[in-house]
C-alpha atoms as a PDB file:
ATOM      1  CA  MET A   1    -185.293  16.411  -5.372  1.00  0.00           C
ATOM      2  CA  THR A   2    -187.575  14.062  -7.376  1.00  0.00           C
ATOM      3  CA  THR A   3    -188.671  10.704  -6.229  1.00  0.00           C
ATOM      4  CA  THR A   4    -186.687   9.106  -8.945  1.00  0.00           C
ATOM      5  CA  ALA A   5    -183.541  10.890  -7.906  1.00  0.00           C
ATOM      6  CA  ILE A   6    -184.006   9.966  -4.291  1.00  0.00           C
ATOM      7  CA  ARG A   7    -184.693   6.348  -5.226  1.00  0.00           C
ATOM      8  CA  THR A   8    -181.465   6.248  -7.328  1.00  0.00           C
ATOM      9  CA  LYS A   9    -179.359   7.696  -4.475  1.00  0.00           C
ATOM     10  CA  VAL A  10    -180.899   5.324  -1.922  1.00  0.00           C
ATOM     11  CA  HIS A  11    -180.222   2.335  -4.117  1.00  0.00           C
ATOM     12  CA  LYS A  12    -176.627   3.413  -4.687  1.00  0.00           C
ATOM     13  CA  TYR A  13    -176.108   3.955  -0.951  1.00  0.00           C
ATOM     14  CA  ILE A  14    -177.682   0.563  -0.063  1.00  0.00           C
ATOM     15  CA  ASP A  15    -175.446  -1.202  -2.560  1.00  0.00           C
ATOM     16  CA  GLU A  16    -172.362   0.325  -0.840  1.00  0.00           C
ATOM     17  CA  ALA A  17    -173.583   0.108   2.824  1.00  0.00           C
ATOM     18  CA  ASP A  18    -172.093  -2.089   5.475  1.00  0.00           C
ATOM     19  CA  ASN A  19    -174.104  -4.626   7.472  1.00  0.00           C
ATOM     20  CA  ASN A  20    -174.824  -2.185  10.373  1.00  0.00           C
ATOM     21  CA  VAL A  21    -176.416   0.375   7.982  1.00  0.00           C
ATOM     22  CA  LEU A  22    -178.398  -2.352   6.212  1.00  0.00           C
ATOM     23  CA  ASP A  23    -179.712  -3.577   9.516  1.00  0.00           C
ATOM     24  CA  VAL A  24    -180.859  -0.145  10.578  1.00  0.00           C
ATOM     25  CA  VAL A  25    -182.522   0.560   7.201  1.00  0.00           C
ATOM     26  CA  TYR A  26    -184.206  -2.818   7.252  1.00  0.00           C
ATOM     27  CA  ARG A  27    -185.635  -2.256  10.801  1.00  0.00           C
ATOM     28  CA  LEU A  28    -186.802   1.253   9.828  1.00  0.00           C
ATOM     29  CA  LEU A  29    -188.579  -0.063   6.763  1.00  0.00           C
ATOM     30  CA  GLU A  30    -190.163  -2.887   8.818  1.00  0.00           C
ATOM     31  CA  VAL A  31    -191.555  -0.310  11.256  1.00  0.00           C
ATOM     32  CA  TYR A  32    -192.910   1.791   8.351  1.00  0.00           C
ATOM     33  CA  ARG A  33    -194.371  -1.317   6.651  1.00  0.00           C
ATOM     34  CA  GLN A  34    -196.212  -2.327   9.854  1.00  0.00           C
ATOM     35  CA  GLY A  35    -198.196   0.937   9.837  1.00  0.00           C
ATOM     36  CA  ASN A  36    -195.685   3.321  11.477  1.00  0.00           C
ATOM     37  CA  LYS A  37    -196.171   1.701  14.856  1.00  0.00           C
ATOM     38  CA  SER A  38    -193.809   2.925  17.493  1.00  0.00           C
ATOM     39  CA  ILE A  39    -190.601   1.039  17.962  1.00  0.00           C
ATOM     40  CA  LEU A  40    -190.849   1.739  21.691  1.00  0.00           C
ATOM     41  CA  THR A  41    -192.661  -0.644  23.989  1.00  0.00           C
ATOM     42  CA  ASN A  42    -195.658   0.666  25.971  1.00  0.00           C
ATOM     43  CA  GLU A  43    -193.474   0.843  29.043  1.00  0.00           C
ATOM     44  CA  GLN A  44    -190.881   2.897  27.190  1.00  0.00           C
ATOM     45  CA  GLN A  45    -193.581   5.196  25.796  1.00  0.00           C
ATOM     46  CA  LYS A  46    -194.947   5.761  29.301  1.00  0.00           C
ATOM     47  CA  GLU A  47    -191.439   6.633  30.546  1.00  0.00           C
ATOM     48  CA  VAL A  48    -190.899   9.083  27.722  1.00  0.00           C
ATOM     49  CA  LEU A  49    -194.264  10.758  28.424  1.00  0.00           C
ATOM     50  CA  LYS A  50    -193.479  10.922  32.183  1.00  0.00           C
ATOM     51  CA  ARG A  51    -190.080  12.561  31.589  1.00  0.00           C
ATOM     52  CA  SER A  52    -191.504  14.936  29.018  1.00  0.00           C
ATOM     53  CA  THR A  53    -194.230  16.019  31.487  1.00  0.00           C
ATOM     54  CA  SER A  54    -191.634  16.510  34.247  1.00  0.00           C
ATOM     55  CA  TYR A  55    -189.354  18.473  31.933  1.00  0.00           C
ATOM     56  CA  LYS A  56    -192.275  20.765  30.838  1.00  0.00           C
ATOM     57  CA  ALA A  57    -193.204  21.282  34.478  1.00  0.00           C
ATOM     58  CA  GLY A  58    -189.592  22.371  35.302  1.00  0.00           C
ATOM     59  CA  LYS A  59    -189.031  19.354  37.586  1.00  0.00           C
ATOM     60  CA  ILE A  60    -186.060  18.041  35.616  1.00  0.00           C
ATOM     61  CA  LYS A  61    -183.380  19.681  33.522  1.00  0.00           C
ATOM     62  CA  GLY A  62    -182.374  18.831  29.995  1.00  0.00           C
ATOM     63  CA  TYR A  63    -178.967  19.212  28.445  1.00  0.00           C
ATOM     64  CA  THR A  64    -177.868  20.425  25.083  1.00  0.00           C
ATOM     65  CA  LEU A  65    -175.689  18.202  22.879  1.00  0.00           C
ATOM     66  CA  THR A  66    -172.706  20.497  23.596  1.00  0.00           C
ATOM     67  CA  GLU A  67    -173.243  20.103  27.354  1.00  0.00           C
ATOM     68  CA  VAL A  68    -173.528  16.338  27.067  1.00  0.00           C
ATOM     69  CA  ARG A  69    -170.339  16.064  25.054  1.00  0.00           C
ATOM     70  CA  LYS A  70    -168.509  18.248  27.536  1.00  0.00           C
ATOM     71  CA  ARG A  71    -169.667  16.117  30.492  1.00  0.00           C
ATOM     72  CA  ILE A  72    -168.633  12.913  28.705  1.00  0.00           C
ATOM     73  CA  LYS A  73    -165.160  14.288  27.969  1.00  0.00           C
ATOM     74  CA  GLN A  74    -164.798  15.247  31.601  1.00  0.00           C
ATOM     75  CA  LYS A  75    -165.793  11.818  32.795  1.00  0.00           C
ATOM     76  CA  LEU A  76    -163.423  10.120  30.367  1.00  0.00           C
ATOM     77  CA  ALA A  77    -160.588  12.340  31.508  1.00  0.00           C
ATOM     78  CA  GLU A  78    -161.062  11.257  35.153  1.00  0.00           C
END
């Protein structure tokens, strides 16, 4: 898809978007405009790195989206 086609589609979508979508798009563009700085705080970045390291070392388990959905449905049914 060409840049012009993408721009046209984005403009059309923005014109029809609700406030929640506009807020998300605005925040995303602000992050991009500020030099692609992370939207996470330093503390959050450290926590993500810590968990990633633990996961790669086999110390913690991850879950697939399907597993998470199943667990949520079970908890809601209780």
